[in-house]
Amino acid sequence: MLNNKEKQKLRKIAQGQRALFQIGKDNISDNLIKTISDSLEAHELVKISLLKTASIAVREAAYDIAAATHSEIVMIIGRTMVLYRRSKKNLMEL
């Protein structure tokens, strides 16, 4: 579980990044979950945007993806979410 200081640092890092994934009208699929999980292992911090064509709410999508990938929600702003999961190999300094 991340504390507020760690979340603040991760928000600062995520601010300069572009969204790696976009969720559209197909919503959340098993393939998307696997791809996001692999990306979390490689990068630890993943930014995802929800397109207007998606039929799922941003918070609902964030909670579903976080639960499926065993990650934590760092922030949700507008239609963008940032997830974090500590990597087993590539460790980011917090």
Foldseek 3Di string as FASTA:
>chain_A
DDDPVVLVVLVVVCVPDDAPEEAACVGDDPVNLVVVLVVCQVPQKHKYFYDPRHPDDQVVSVVVSCVSNVWDWSDDDDRMTMTGDAHPPDGDDD
